[in-house]
């Protein structure tokens, strides 16, 4: 049998699956939380700073793969043909000449600026503004025409912020690499920045690599913002490769550390949402939405079919993204499930404080708080199903800025229509509706620009666990919503990359025919809800315009 491993590096943990390439059956699975991240180390949410230590990734890789192989049975490591990964992004890190993350050097081990800048790190808003000014019009070229407004979440902005705020990092950083590039480099031993594998998904969507530009934006253009960026362009010499590219064989060291044979092929990588789309069965005409802490909606199409379409404000486009040979399009919300988690923290704050004052045993205290955290959202969802929408209570979902359409990272969330009769459940239902309305804005932006969408597939924790959110999404979008069966769609997609990289299948579409696991539930839109949600959606849009004007004047 041909077995492969896919590893999904998410925001909180790494998840590994051992997959049989014949039918996509999952043979073993392992999950490991990032130890330092779970202790809230190296982060400052009030400043939008979210950093992750590379050692977290290394430890989670070893433990998750080890657990998956153990679950797969004796000598499973001998049967593995390939391993591929996906990661969050843009999640870059400064590295030295050997490609070693600076945080793995003793003198930088506790410096957050020497670590990976997680995708949702928003410390580079000011730098993104500067970069946009330079990219929009340089010697007649608009380098933003395939991505729209350049985001503080992306590669160049984070680099610029990092070196402007830390002279040590600026002095020691020979280059910067994405998380999705570093893991294949680490496993294959090809870590030199000039020659290491660079993922076409991250290169196109986050660093703006495109054939129309003959590569990256001009070094002169980026150098006009800061000379350091010009140097980084010159050191980004390797042309990006697709997710199914065979990077090389696993090193002896990593074969031993992971319990694998030394003939394992290291496949290419991608961003986590893209891998999830592949794992769910994306193809032309299919919109796949990853619904979790944030959302990403993805489509693929040919360059010929997109010619003449102006998608600049509604999504980002990149070559060989998601499925090699196609233009990958992505658009998403910067916060979705994160808003539900925020509401849970608000409600649980007095509970936690009171419990800590009761003098309970520390283990009992931790167990009780953990139970409350686990069950509160489920209880809110259950009760919210039976209540009616308050037509005056409107929430705006821009708690982490607005990503698409029309990126604006400075706008904030809002609530309108609160009364003394507003209770916890009705407010929660309005919060959920706001996140679904945010998804409709993106959906409508595709449709109005002539993009054909034949079906909608969802993946992610919220898609699988919340009938309230999924039925509401079907009613608001007026489309059938299919929920992918795979528990680990992103890792499943990464496993498909490995299957192609090892030569088991000739291309990704053929691998999908055998390895996609289908759907576990289908939500049909309720026609009776259309008019009601259309009215509330218009109020949501009106509130958005009003709030954006107010915040713009502040």
Foldseek 3Di string as FASTA:
>chain_A
DEWAKFWEAEPFKIKIFIADLQFQDTQFIFIDGQVCVVVVALADVVLLFDFDAVVSVVVRVLRGLQRRQVSNDPPSQARYAAYAYAYAPPWKAFAAQQQHQPCVDPVNVRPRLSGTGGLRRQNQQVLLVLLCVLQCADPRHRLLQQAARQGCSADPSSVVVSCVVDVVSLVGGQEMAGPLQSVLCQFAVVRRLQATAHEQQRQCHGQSADVVCVGGPALVSSVVSPNSSSSRVVSNNDDHDYQLAFRHWTDPVVCVSNVHDRNYTYGHYYHLVLLLCLLQQADAQEWEWEDDQKIKIKHWDAPVVCPPFRCSQQWHWGANGSFHRTIMTMHIFSGAVVVVLVLLCVVCVVVLVVLVVPPDDPVVSVVVSVVSSVCVVVVLLVVLVPDDADLFWAKAQQCQFGTPRHGDRQFHIDIGDDDPPDDSSNNVLNSLLNSLLSVLRSVVSCVVRPRRHDAYEYEYDCLVPHPSSQQSNCQANVHKYFYFPDNRSSSSSRRLSSCCSSPVDVGSSVSSVNNHDGTDDMHHHDPVCNVVSVSSSVVNVVVVVVRVVVSVVD
